[in-house]
Amino acid sequence: EQVLDITFLDRYPGLALYEMRYRNTGTTPLAIAGWRVATH
């Protein structure tokens, strides 16, 4: 499960905060090697 919170701030037009979390909703351990966020 991926949950992404994106917050726009009134005093910072053009900027958004990204708060990302991943939850293992399966039944086996998940071996994670890395991640990326806000990549464009």
Full PDB file with SEQRES, HELIX, SHEET, SSBOND, CRYST1, ORIGX, SCALE, CONECT and MASTER records, all heavy atoms in Angstrom:
SEQRES   1 A   40  GLU GLN VAL LEU ASP ILE THR PHE LEU ASP ARG TYR PRO          
SEQRES   2 A   40  GLY LEU ALA LEU TYR GLU MET ARG TYR ARG ASN THR GLY          
SEQRES   3 A   40  THR THR PRO LEU ALA ILE ALA GLY TRP ARG VAL ALA THR          
SEQRES   4 A   40  HIS                                                          
SHEET    1 AA1 2 GLN A   2  PHE A   8  0                                        
SHEET    2 AA1 2 ALA A  16  TYR A  22 -1                                        
CRYST1    1.000    1.000    1.000  90.00  90.00  90.00 P 1           1          
ORIGX1      1.000000  0.000000  0.000000        0.00000                         
ORIGX2      0.000000  1.000000  0.000000        0.00000                         
ORIGX3      0.000000  0.000000  1.000000        0.00000                         
SCALE1      1.000000  0.000000  0.000000        0.00000                         
SCALE2      0.000000  1.000000  0.000000        0.00000                         
SCALE3      0.000000  0.000000  1.000000        0.00000                         
ATOM      1  N   GLU A   1       0.852  -1.186   0.000  1.00  0.00           N  
ATOM      2  CA  GLU A   1       0.000   0.000   0.000  1.00  0.00           C  
ATOM      3  C   GLU A   1       0.889   1.239   0.000  1.00  0.00           C  
ATOM      4  O   GLU A   1       1.837   1.346   0.775  1.00  0.00           O  
ATOM      5  CB  GLU A   1      -0.898   0.023   1.230  1.00  0.00           C  
ATOM      6  CG  GLU A   1      -1.802   1.253   1.274  1.00  0.00           C  
ATOM      7  CD  GLU A   1      -2.558   1.365   2.594  1.00  0.00           C  
ATOM      8  OE1 GLU A   1      -1.887   1.486   3.644  1.00  0.00           O  
ATOM      9  OE2 GLU A   1      -3.795   1.321   2.569  1.00  0.00           O  
ATOM     10  N   GLN A   2       0.576   2.149  -0.902  1.00  0.00           N  
ATOM     11  CA  GLN A   2       1.277   3.427  -0.981  1.00  0.00           C  
ATOM     12  C   GLN A   2       0.327   4.537  -0.528  1.00  0.00           C  
ATOM     13  O   GLN A   2      -0.787   4.642  -1.039  1.00  0.00           O  
ATOM     14  CB  GLN A   2       1.731   3.694  -2.420  1.00  0.00           C  
ATOM     15  CG  GLN A   2       2.467   5.007  -2.621  1.00  0.00           C  
ATOM     16  CD  GLN A   2       2.659   5.323  -4.098  1.00  0.00           C  
ATOM     17  OE1 GLN A   2       1.716   5.741  -4.778  1.00  0.00           O  
ATOM     18  NE2 GLN A   2       3.867   5.106  -4.600  1.00  0.00           N  
ATOM     19  N   VAL A   3       0.772   5.333   0.447  1.00  0.00           N  
ATOM     20  CA  VAL A   3      -0.016   6.477   0.899  1.00  0.00           C  
ATOM     21  C   VAL A   3       0.836   7.726   0.712  1.00  0.00           C  
ATOM     22  O   VAL A   3       1.926   7.844   1.286  1.00  0.00           O  
ATOM     23  CB  VAL A   3      -0.439   6.341   2.369  1.00  0.00           C  
ATOM     24  CG1 VAL A   3      -1.229   7.573   2.807  1.00  0.00           C  
ATOM     25  CG2 VAL A   3      -1.274   5.078   2.572  1.00  0.00           C  
ATOM     26  N   LEU A   4       0.357   8.635  -0.118  1.00  0.00           N  
ATOM     27  CA  LEU A   4       1.087   9.860  -0.435  1.00  0.00           C  
ATOM     28  C   LEU A   4       0.263  11.067  -0.007  1.00  0.00           C  
ATOM     29  O   LEU A   4      -0.844  11.277  -0.506  1.00  0.00           O  
ATOM     30  CB  LEU A   4       1.381   9.917  -1.933  1.00  0.00           C  
ATOM     31  CG  LEU A   4       2.020  11.207  -2.462  1.00  0.00           C  
ATOM     32  CD1 LEU A   4       3.347  11.491  -1.768  1.00  0.00           C  
ATOM     33  CD2 LEU A   4       2.203  11.120  -3.981  1.00  0.00           C  
ATOM     34  N   ASP A   5       0.812  11.825   0.933  1.00  0.00           N  
ATOM     35  CA  ASP A   5       0.201  13.087   1.342  1.00  0.00           C  
ATOM     36  C   ASP A   5       0.924  14.225   0.629  1.00  0.00           C  
ATOM     37  O   ASP A   5       2.155  14.354   0.750  1.00  0.00           O  
ATOM     38  CB  ASP A   5       0.315  13.293   2.852  1.00  0.00           C  
ATOM     39  CG  ASP A   5      -0.588  12.366   3.645  1.00  0.00           C  
ATOM     40  OD1 ASP A   5      -1.465  11.730   3.035  1.00  0.00           O  
ATOM     41  OD2 ASP A   5      -0.409  12.277   4.874  1.00  0.00           O  
ATOM     42  N   ILE A   6       0.175  15.045  -0.103  1.00  0.00           N  
ATOM     43  CA  ILE A   6       0.732  16.212  -0.789  1.00  0.00           C  
ATOM     44  C   ILE A   6       0.059  17.445  -0.215  1.00  0.00           C  
ATOM     45  O   ILE A   6      -1.172  17.566  -0.255  1.00  0.00           O  
ATOM     46  CB  ILE A   6       0.518  16.134  -2.307  1.00  0.00           C  
ATOM     47  CG1 ILE A   6       1.270  14.932  -2.877  1.00  0.00           C  
ATOM     48  CG2 ILE A   6       0.973  17.414  -2.978  1.00  0.00           C  
ATOM     49  CD1 ILE A   6       1.130  14.770  -4.375  1.00  0.00           C  
ATOM     50  N   THR A   7       0.870  18.350   0.349  1.00  0.00           N  
ATOM     51  CA  THR A   7       0.333  19.540   1.006  1.00  0.00           C  
ATOM     52  C   THR A   7       0.792  20.793   0.280  1.00  0.00           C  
ATOM     53  O   THR A   7       1.995  21.017   0.098  1.00  0.00           O  
ATOM     54  CB  THR A   7       0.799  19.607   2.474  1.00  0.00           C  
ATOM     55  OG1 THR A   7       0.407  18.406   3.150  1.00  0.00           O  
ATOM     56  CG2 THR A   7       0.189  20.809   3.179  1.00  0.00           C  
ATOM     57  N   PHE A   8      -0.191  21.593  -0.150  1.00  0.00           N  
ATOM     58  CA  PHE A   8       0.079  22.903  -0.737  1.00  0.00           C  
ATOM     59  C   PHE A   8      -0.066  23.949   0.368  1.00  0.00           C  
ATOM     60  O   PHE A   8      -1.030  23.919   1.133  1.00  0.00           O  
ATOM     61  CB  PHE A   8      -0.896  23.201  -1.874  1.00  0.00           C  
ATOM     62  CG  PHE A   8      -0.761  22.275  -3.049  1.00  0.00           C  
ATOM     63  CD1 PHE A   8      -1.501  21.092  -3.112  1.00  0.00           C  
ATOM     64  CD2 PHE A   8       0.100  22.569  -4.094  1.00  0.00           C  
ATOM     65  CE1 PHE A   8      -1.385  20.232  -4.191  1.00  0.00           C  
ATOM     66  CE2 PHE A   8       0.227  21.712  -5.184  1.00  0.00           C  
ATOM     67  CZ  PHE A   8      -0.519  20.541  -5.229  1.00  0.00           C  
ATOM     68  N   LEU A   9       0.868  24.862   0.449  1.00  0.00           N  
ATOM     69  CA  LEU A   9       0.913  25.857   1.513  1.00  0.00           C  
ATOM     70  C   LEU A   9       0.627  27.242   0.952  1.00  0.00           C  
ATOM     71  O   LEU A   9       1.232  27.654  -0.038  1.00  0.00           O  
ATOM     72  CB  LEU A   9       2.291  25.842   2.188  1.00  0.00           C  
ATOM     73  CG  LEU A   9       2.718  24.487   2.760  1.00  0.00           C  
ATOM     74  CD1 LEU A   9       4.197  24.493   3.088  1.00  0.00           C  
ATOM     75  CD2 LEU A   9       1.886  24.163   3.998  1.00  0.00           C  
ATOM     76  N   ASP A  10      -0.282  27.968   1.618  1.00  0.00           N  
ATOM     77  CA  ASP A  10      -0.694  29.274   1.107  1.00  0.00           C  
ATOM     78  C   ASP A  10       0.471  30.244   0.973  1.00  0.00           C  
ATOM     79  O   ASP A  10       0.526  31.038   0.026  1.00  0.00           O  
ATOM     80  CB  ASP A  10      -1.751  29.890   2.033  1.00  0.00           C  
ATOM     81  CG  ASP A  10      -3.065  29.127   2.013  1.00  0.00           C  
ATOM     82  OD1 ASP A  10      -3.168  28.136   1.251  1.00  0.00           O  
ATOM     83  OD2 ASP A  10      -3.982  29.496   2.776  1.00  0.00           O  
ATOM     84  N   ARG A  11       1.419  30.193   1.920  1.00  0.00           N  
ATOM     85  CA  ARG A  11       2.512  31.165   1.887  1.00  0.00           C  
ATOM     86  C   ARG A  11       3.657  30.749   0.972  1.00  0.00           C  
ATOM     87  O   ARG A  11       4.619  31.494   0.812  1.00  0.00           O  
ATOM     88  CB  ARG A  11       3.037  31.433   3.293  1.00  0.00           C  
ATOM     89  CG  ARG A  11       3.738  30.274   3.963  1.00  0.00           C  
ATOM     90  CD  ARG A  11       4.333  30.669   5.312  1.00  0.00           C  
ATOM     91  NE  ARG A  11       3.333  31.040   6.283  1.00  0.00           N  
ATOM     92  CZ  ARG A  11       3.458  30.902   7.602  1.00  0.00           C  
ATOM     93  NH1 ARG A  11       4.576  30.381   8.100  1.00  0.00           N  
ATOM     94  NH2 ARG A  11       2.503  31.278   8.423  1.00  0.00           N  
ATOM     95  N   TYR A  12       3.544  29.569   0.345  1.00  0.00           N  
ATOM     96  CA  TYR A  12       4.579  29.090  -0.570  1.00  0.00           C  
ATOM     97  C   TYR A  12       3.949  28.649  -1.891  1.00  0.00           C  
ATOM     98  O   TYR A  12       3.935  27.463  -2.222  1.00  0.00           O  
ATOM     99  CB  TYR A  12       5.351  27.924   0.052  1.00  0.00           C  
ATOM    100  CG  TYR A  12       6.144  28.298   1.272  1.00  0.00           C  
ATOM    101  CD1 TYR A  12       5.656  28.019   2.550  1.00  0.00           C  
ATOM    102  CD2 TYR A  12       7.373  28.939   1.158  1.00  0.00           C  
ATOM    103  CE1 TYR A  12       6.380  28.368   3.682  1.00  0.00           C  
ATOM    104  CE2 TYR A  12       8.102  29.292   2.289  1.00  0.00           C  
ATOM    105  CZ  TYR A  12       7.599  28.999   3.544  1.00  0.00           C  
ATOM    106  OH  TYR A  12       8.321  29.357   4.658  1.00  0.00           O  
ATOM    107  N   PRO A  13       3.413  29.577  -2.677  1.00  0.00           N  
ATOM    108  CA  PRO A  13       2.805  29.181  -3.954  1.00  0.00           C  
ATOM    109  C   PRO A  13       3.831  28.515  -4.865  1.00  0.00           C  
ATOM    110  O   PRO A  13       4.973  28.951  -4.976  1.00  0.00           O  
ATOM    111  CB  PRO A  13       2.315  30.513  -4.542  1.00  0.00           C  
ATOM    112  CG  PRO A  13       3.074  31.577  -3.817  1.00  0.00           C  
ATOM    113  CD  PRO A  13       3.349  31.035  -2.455  1.00  0.00           C  
ATOM    114  N   GLY A  14       3.410  27.434  -5.482  1.00  0.00           N  
ATOM    115  CA  GLY A  14       4.301  26.696  -6.374  1.00  0.00           C  
ATOM    116  C   GLY A  14       5.046  25.566  -5.706  1.00  0.00           C  
ATOM    117  O   GLY A  14       5.774  24.829  -6.377  1.00  0.00           O  
ATOM    118  N   LEU A  15       4.861  25.388  -4.398  1.00  0.00           N  
ATOM    119  CA  LEU A  15       5.603  24.369  -3.654  1.00  0.00           C  
ATOM    120  C   LEU A  15       4.636  23.403  -2.979  1.00  0.00           C  
ATOM    121  O   LEU A  15       3.613  23.820  -2.432  1.00  0.00           O  
ATOM    122  CB  LEU A  15       6.508  25.031  -2.618  1.00  0.00           C  
ATOM    123  CG  LEU A  15       7.430  24.127  -1.797  1.00  0.00           C  
ATOM    124  CD1 LEU A  15       8.739  24.863  -1.491  1.00  0.00           C  
ATOM    125  CD2 LEU A  15       6.784  23.683  -0.495  1.00  0.00           C  
ATOM    126  N   ALA A  16       4.996  22.124  -2.998  1.00  0.00           N  
ATOM    127  CA  ALA A  16       4.188  21.102  -2.333  1.00  0.00           C  
ATOM    128  C   ALA A  16       5.092  20.199  -1.516  1.00  0.00           C  
ATOM    129  O   ALA A  16       6.176  19.800  -1.975  1.00  0.00           O  
ATOM    130  CB  ALA A  16       3.413  20.275  -3.350  1.00  0.00           C  
ATOM    131  N   LEU A  17       4.653  19.882  -0.304  1.00  0.00           N  
ATOM    132  CA  LEU A  17       5.358  18.923   0.536  1.00  0.00           C  
ATOM    133  C   LEU A  17       4.858  17.513   0.223  1.00  0.00           C  
ATOM    134  O   LEU A  17       3.651  17.301   0.066  1.00  0.00           O  
ATOM    135  CB  LEU A  17       5.133  19.228   2.018  1.00  0.00           C  
ATOM    136  CG  LEU A  17       5.669  20.555   2.538  1.00  0.00           C  
ATOM    137  CD1 LEU A  17       5.348  20.711   4.021  1.00  0.00           C  
ATOM    138  CD2 LEU A  17       7.168  20.678   2.301  1.00  0.00           C  
ATOM    139  N   TYR A  18       5.788  16.563   0.146  1.00  0.00           N  
ATOM    140  CA  TYR A  18       5.478  15.163  -0.130  1.00  0.00           C  
ATOM    141  C   TYR A  18       5.804  14.333   1.109  1.00  0.00           C  
ATOM    142  O   TYR A  18       6.946  14.307   1.561  1.00  0.00           O  
ATOM    143  CB  TYR A  18       6.338  14.644  -1.280  1.00  0.00           C  
ATOM    144  CG  TYR A  18       5.823  14.903  -2.678  1.00  0.00           C  
ATOM    145  CD1 TYR A  18       5.479  16.181  -3.099  1.00  0.00           C  
ATOM    146  CD2 TYR A  18       5.708  13.867  -3.594  1.00  0.00           C  
ATOM    147  CE1 TYR A  18       5.034  16.425  -4.383  1.00  0.00           C  
ATOM    148  CE2 TYR A  18       5.264  14.083  -4.889  1.00  0.00           C  
ATOM    149  CZ  TYR A  18       4.929  15.376  -5.275  1.00  0.00           C  
ATOM    150  OH  TYR A  18       4.485  15.598  -6.556  1.00  0.00           O  
ATOM    151  N   GLU A  19       4.799  13.640   1.638  1.00  0.00           N  
ATOM    152  CA  GLU A  19       5.002  12.694   2.736  1.00  0.00           C  
ATOM    153  C   GLU A  19       4.545  11.325   2.247  1.00  0.00           C  
ATOM    154  O   GLU A  19       3.355  11.104   2.053  1.00  0.00           O  
ATOM    155  CB  GLU A  19       4.221  13.134   3.970  1.00  0.00           C  
ATOM    156  CG  GLU A  19       4.697  14.470   4.537  1.00  0.00           C  
ATOM    157  CD  GLU A  19       3.801  14.985   5.643  1.00  0.00           C  
ATOM    158  OE1 GLU A  19       2.751  15.578   5.321  1.00  0.00           O  
ATOM    159  OE2 GLU A  19       4.145  14.776   6.828  1.00  0.00           O  
ATOM    160  N   MET A  20       5.513  10.434   2.066  1.00  0.00           N  
ATOM    161  CA  MET A  20       5.239   9.139   1.454  1.00  0.00           C  
ATOM    162  C   MET A  20       5.518   8.013   2.434  1.00  0.00           C  
ATOM    163  O   MET A  20       6.527   8.026   3.150  1.00  0.00           O  
ATOM    164  CB  MET A  20       6.124   8.964   0.218  1.00  0.00           C  
ATOM    165  CG  MET A  20       6.047   7.593  -0.429  1.00  0.00           C  
ATOM    166  SD  MET A  20       4.482   7.327  -1.298  1.00  0.00           S  
ATOM    167  CE  MET A  20       4.871   8.157  -2.852  1.00  0.00           C  
ATOM    168  N   ARG A  21       4.630   7.029   2.451  1.00  0.00           N  
ATOM    169  CA  ARG A  21       4.875   5.831   3.234  1.00  0.00           C  
ATOM    170  C   ARG A  21       4.342   4.606   2.492  1.00  0.00           C  
ATOM    171  O   ARG A  21       3.346   4.691   1.754  1.00  0.00           O  
ATOM    172  CB  ARG A  21       4.281   5.930   4.632  1.00  0.00           C  
ATOM    173  CG  ARG A  21       2.811   6.262   4.709  1.00  0.00           C  
ATOM    174  CD  ARG A  21       2.415   6.654   6.136  1.00  0.00           C  
ATOM    175  NE  ARG A  21       1.012   6.981   6.244  1.00  0.00           N  
ATOM    176  CZ  ARG A  21       0.502   8.186   5.999  1.00  0.00           C  
ATOM    177  NH1 ARG A  21       1.290   9.169   5.610  1.00  0.00           N  
ATOM    178  NH2 ARG A  21      -0.797   8.411   6.149  1.00  0.00           N  
ATOM    179  N   TYR A  22       5.057   3.508   2.693  1.00  0.00           N  
ATOM    180  CA  TYR A  22       4.690   2.231   2.081  1.00  0.00           C  
ATOM    181  C   TYR A  22       4.435   1.213   3.189  1.00  0.00           C  
ATOM    182  O   TYR A  22       5.247   1.079   4.111  1.00  0.00           O  
ATOM    183  CB  TYR A  22       5.811   1.717   1.175  1.00  0.00           C  
ATOM    184  CG  TYR A  22       6.011   2.537  -0.079  1.00  0.00           C  
ATOM    185  CD1 TYR A  22       6.996   3.522  -0.129  1.00  0.00           C  
ATOM    186  CD2 TYR A  22       5.233   2.322  -1.207  1.00  0.00           C  
ATOM    187  CE1 TYR A  22       7.195   4.275  -1.276  1.00  0.00           C  
ATOM    188  CE2 TYR A  22       5.413   3.063  -2.359  1.00  0.00           C  
ATOM    189  CZ  TYR A  22       6.396   4.048  -2.390  1.00  0.00           C  
ATOM    190  OH  TYR A  22       6.584   4.790  -3.528  1.00  0.00           O  
ATOM    191  N   ARG A  23       3.341   0.476   3.064  1.00  0.00           N  
ATOM    192  CA  ARG A  23       3.016  -0.564   4.040  1.00  0.00           C  
ATOM    193  C   ARG A  23       2.965  -1.917   3.338  1.00  0.00           C  
ATOM    194  O   ARG A  23       2.361  -2.044   2.261  1.00  0.00           O  
ATOM    195  CB  ARG A  23       1.677  -0.268   4.717  1.00  0.00           C  
ATOM    196  CG  ARG A  23       1.330  -1.259   5.850  1.00  0.00           C  
ATOM    197  CD  ARG A  23       0.170  -0.737   6.674  1.00  0.00           C  
ATOM    198  NE  ARG A  23      -1.058  -0.652   5.897  1.00  0.00           N  
ATOM    199  CZ  ARG A  23      -1.992  -1.612   5.829  1.00  0.00           C  
ATOM    200  NH1 ARG A  23      -1.810  -2.749   6.508  1.00  0.00           N  
ATOM    201  NH2 ARG A  23      -3.077  -1.450   5.108  1.00  0.00           N  
ATOM    202  N   ASN A  24       3.636  -2.870   3.934  1.00  0.00           N  
ATOM    203  CA  ASN A  24       3.608  -4.233   3.402  1.00  0.00           C  
ATOM    204  C   ASN A  24       2.274  -4.869   3.784  1.00  0.00           C  
ATOM    205  O   ASN A  24       2.054  -5.265   4.931  1.00  0.00           O  
ATOM    206  CB  ASN A  24       4.780  -5.040   3.971  1.00  0.00           C  
ATOM    207  CG  ASN A  24       4.856  -6.441   3.378  1.00  0.00           C  
ATOM    208  OD1 ASN A  24       3.961  -6.881   2.669  1.00  0.00           O  
ATOM    209  ND2 ASN A  24       5.943  -7.143   3.692  1.00  0.00           N  
ATOM    210  N   THR A  25       1.377  -4.975   2.817  1.00  0.00           N  
ATOM    211  CA  THR A  25       0.051  -5.555   3.065  1.00  0.00           C  
ATOM    212  C   THR A  25      -0.018  -7.010   2.620  1.00  0.00           C  
ATOM    213  O   THR A  25      -1.100  -7.609   2.603  1.00  0.00           O  
ATOM    214  CB  THR A  25      -1.028  -4.737   2.334  1.00  0.00           C  
ATOM    215  OG1 THR A  25      -0.647  -4.581   0.960  1.00  0.00           O  
ATOM    216  CG2 THR A  25      -1.195  -3.369   2.967  1.00  0.00           C  
ATOM    217  N   GLY A  26       1.137  -7.572   2.246  1.00  0.00           N  
ATOM    218  CA  GLY A  26       1.186  -8.972   1.866  1.00  0.00           C  
ATOM    219  C   GLY A  26       1.489  -9.868   3.054  1.00  0.00           C  
ATOM    220  O   GLY A  26       1.459  -9.435   4.221  1.00  0.00           O  
ATOM    221  N   THR A  27       1.818 -11.083   2.777  1.00  0.00           N  
ATOM    222  CA  THR A  27       2.071 -12.069   3.834  1.00  0.00           C  
ATOM    223  C   THR A  27       3.529 -12.472   3.923  1.00  0.00           C  
ATOM    224  O   THR A  27       3.888 -13.324   4.745  1.00  0.00           O  
ATOM    225  CB  THR A  27       1.218 -13.326   3.586  1.00  0.00           C  
ATOM    226  OG1 THR A  27       1.558 -13.874   2.308  1.00  0.00           O  
ATOM    227  CG2 THR A  27      -0.266 -12.989   3.625  1.00  0.00           C  
ATOM    228  N   THR A  28       4.369 -11.902   3.089  1.00  0.00           N  
ATOM    229  CA  THR A  28       5.796 -12.236   3.097  1.00  0.00           C  
ATOM    230  C   THR A  28       6.625 -10.983   3.316  1.00  0.00           C  
ATOM    231  O   THR A  28       6.208  -9.871   2.957  1.00  0.00           O  
ATOM    232  CB  THR A  28       6.219 -12.880   1.770  1.00  0.00           C  
ATOM    233  OG1 THR A  28       6.070 -11.912   0.722  1.00  0.00           O  
ATOM    234  CG2 THR A  28       5.391 -14.108   1.466  1.00  0.00           C  
ATOM    235  N   PRO A  29       7.816 -11.117   3.904  1.00  0.00           N  
ATOM    236  CA  PRO A  29       8.706  -9.957   4.031  1.00  0.00           C  
ATOM    237  C   PRO A  29       9.057  -9.408   2.645  1.00  0.00           C  
ATOM    238  O   PRO A  29       9.156 -10.155   1.670  1.00  0.00           O  
ATOM    239  CB  PRO A  29       9.940 -10.522   4.736  1.00  0.00           C  
ATOM    240  CG  PRO A  29       9.469 -11.774   5.394  1.00  0.00           C  
ATOM    241  CD  PRO A  29       8.396 -12.332   4.506  1.00  0.00           C  
ATOM    242  N   LEU A  30       9.232  -8.130   2.593  1.00  0.00           N  
ATOM    243  CA  LEU A  30       9.534  -7.446   1.334  1.00  0.00           C  
ATOM    244  C   LEU A  30      10.940  -6.852   1.426  1.00  0.00           C  
ATOM    245  O   LEU A  30      11.197  -5.982   2.255  1.00  0.00           O  
ATOM    246  CB  LEU A  30       8.498  -6.349   1.078  1.00  0.00           C  
ATOM    247  CG  LEU A  30       8.489  -5.701  -0.305  1.00  0.00           C  
ATOM    248  CD1 LEU A  30       8.128  -6.722  -1.382  1.00  0.00           C  
ATOM    249  CD2 LEU A  30       7.499  -4.536  -0.330  1.00  0.00           C  
ATOM    250  N   ALA A  31      11.856  -7.328   0.589  1.00  0.00           N  
ATOM    251  CA  ALA A  31      13.236  -6.834   0.585  1.00  0.00           C  
ATOM    252  C   ALA A  31      13.327  -5.641  -0.357  1.00  0.00           C  
ATOM    253  O   ALA A  31      13.242  -5.791  -1.582  1.00  0.00           O  
ATOM    254  CB  ALA A  31      14.194  -7.928   0.158  1.00  0.00           C  
ATOM    255  N   ILE A  32      13.485  -4.469   0.228  1.00  0.00           N  
ATOM    256  CA  ILE A  32      13.510  -3.221  -0.537  1.00  0.00           C  
ATOM    257  C   ILE A  32      14.959  -2.775  -0.713  1.00  0.00           C  
ATOM    258  O   ILE A  32      15.727  -2.700   0.246  1.00  0.00           O  
ATOM    259  CB  ILE A  32      12.690  -2.137   0.176  1.00  0.00           C  
ATOM    260  CG1 ILE A  32      11.221  -2.566   0.265  1.00  0.00           C  
ATOM    261  CG2 ILE A  32      12.810  -0.795  -0.545  1.00  0.00           C  
ATOM    262  CD1 ILE A  32      10.365  -1.651   1.112  1.00  0.00           C  
ATOM    263  N   ALA A  33      15.311  -2.470  -1.956  1.00  0.00           N  
ATOM    264  CA  ALA A  33      16.671  -2.009  -2.260  1.00  0.00           C  
ATOM    265  C   ALA A  33      16.756  -0.493  -2.346  1.00  0.00           C  
ATOM    266  O   ALA A  33      17.840   0.069  -2.197  1.00  0.00           O  
ATOM    267  CB  ALA A  33      17.154  -2.619  -3.572  1.00  0.00           C  
ATOM    268  N   GLY A  34      15.630   0.178  -2.594  1.00  0.00           N  
ATOM    269  CA  GLY A  34      15.664   1.630  -2.703  1.00  0.00           C  
ATOM    270  C   GLY A  34      14.315   2.181  -3.104  1.00  0.00           C  
ATOM    271  O   GLY A  34      13.324   1.445  -3.221  1.00  0.00           O  
ATOM    272  N   TRP A  35      14.285   3.489  -3.354  1.00  0.00           N  
ATOM    273  CA  TRP A  35      13.035   4.165  -3.677  1.00  0.00           C  
ATOM    274  C   TRP A  35      13.335   5.474  -4.401  1.00  0.00           C  
ATOM    275  O   TRP A  35      14.482   5.952  -4.407  1.00  0.00           O  
ATOM    276  CB  TRP A  35      12.225   4.457  -2.411  1.00  0.00           C  
ATOM    277  CG  TRP A  35      13.035   5.118  -1.313  1.00  0.00           C  
ATOM    278  CD1 TRP A  35      13.679   4.498  -0.280  1.00  0.00           C  
ATOM    279  CD2 TRP A  35      13.325   6.525  -1.177  1.00  0.00           C  
ATOM    280  NE1 TRP A  35      14.342   5.414   0.499  1.00  0.00           N  
ATOM    281  CE2 TRP A  35      14.140   6.673  -0.017  1.00  0.00           C  
ATOM    282  CE3 TRP A  35      12.982   7.656  -1.889  1.00  0.00           C  
ATOM    283  CZ2 TRP A  35      14.605   7.914   0.419  1.00  0.00           C  
ATOM    284  CZ3 TRP A  35      13.441   8.900  -1.470  1.00  0.00           C  
ATOM    285  CH2 TRP A  35      14.239   9.013  -0.322  1.00  0.00           C  
ATOM    286  N   ARG A  36      12.312   6.025  -4.999  1.00  0.00           N  
ATOM    287  CA  ARG A  36      12.408   7.387  -5.536  1.00  0.00           C  
ATOM    288  C   ARG A  36      11.083   8.093  -5.295  1.00  0.00           C  
ATOM    289  O   ARG A  36      10.024   7.452  -5.193  1.00  0.00           O  
ATOM    290  CB  ARG A  36      12.765   7.388  -7.024  1.00  0.00           C  
ATOM    291  CG  ARG A  36      11.663   6.930  -7.959  1.00  0.00           C  
ATOM    292  CD  ARG A  36      11.960   7.266  -9.422  1.00  0.00           C  
ATOM    293  NE  ARG A  36      10.877   6.820 -10.283  1.00  0.00           N  
ATOM    294  CZ  ARG A  36      10.976   5.856 -11.187  1.00  0.00           C  
ATOM    295  NH1 ARG A  36      12.127   5.217 -11.359  1.00  0.00           N  
ATOM    296  NH2 ARG A  36       9.924   5.526 -11.932  1.00  0.00           N  
ATOM    297  N   VAL A  37      11.138   9.408  -5.219  1.00  0.00           N  
ATOM    298  CA  VAL A  37       9.935  10.210  -5.014  1.00  0.00           C  
ATOM    299  C   VAL A  37      10.126  11.555  -5.708  1.00  0.00           C  
ATOM    300  O   VAL A  37      11.262  12.033  -5.862  1.00  0.00           O  
ATOM    301  CB  VAL A  37       9.654  10.390  -3.493  1.00  0.00           C  
ATOM    302  CG1 VAL A  37      10.713  11.251  -2.830  1.00  0.00           C  
ATOM    303  CG2 VAL A  37       8.267  10.961  -3.243  1.00  0.00           C  
ATOM    304  N   ALA A  38       9.022  12.147  -6.156  1.00  0.00           N  
ATOM    305  CA  ALA A  38       9.028  13.472  -6.792  1.00  0.00           C  
ATOM    306  C   ALA A  38      10.068  13.560  -7.901  1.00  0.00           C  
ATOM    307  O   ALA A  38      10.820  14.531  -8.007  1.00  0.00           O  
ATOM    308  CB  ALA A  38       9.262  14.560  -5.751  1.00  0.00           C  
ATOM    309  N   THR A  39      10.113  12.546  -8.744  1.00  0.00           N  
ATOM    310  CA  THR A  39      11.092  12.478  -9.826  1.00  0.00           C  
ATOM    311  C   THR A  39      10.398  12.757 -11.161  1.00  0.00           C  
ATOM    312  O   THR A  39       9.439  12.064 -11.521  1.00  0.00           O  
ATOM    313  CB  THR A  39      11.769  11.102  -9.852  1.00  0.00           C  
ATOM    314  OG1 THR A  39      12.439  10.899  -8.602  1.00  0.00           O  
ATOM    315  CG2 THR A  39      12.761  10.994 -10.991  1.00  0.00           C  
ATOM    316  N   HIS A  40      10.894  13.770 -11.867  1.00  0.00           N  
ATOM    317  CA  HIS A  40      10.247  14.199 -13.108  1.00  0.00           C  
ATOM    318  C   HIS A  40      11.290  14.657 -14.115  1.00  0.00           C  
ATOM    319  O   HIS A  40      12.407  15.033 -13.745  1.00  0.00           O  
ATOM    320  CB  HIS A  40       9.268  15.345 -12.837  1.00  0.00           C  
ATOM    321  CG  HIS A  40       8.125  14.970 -11.946  1.00  0.00           C  
ATOM    322  ND1 HIS A  40       7.007  14.314 -12.403  1.00  0.00           N  
ATOM    323  CD2 HIS A  40       7.939  15.151 -10.612  1.00  0.00           C  
ATOM    324  CE1 HIS A  40       6.174  14.106 -11.395  1.00  0.00           C  
ATOM    325  NE2 HIS A  40       6.713  14.599 -10.292  1.00  0.00           N  
TER     326      HIS A  40                                                      
MASTER        0    0    0    0    2    0    0    6  325    1    0    4          
END                                                                             
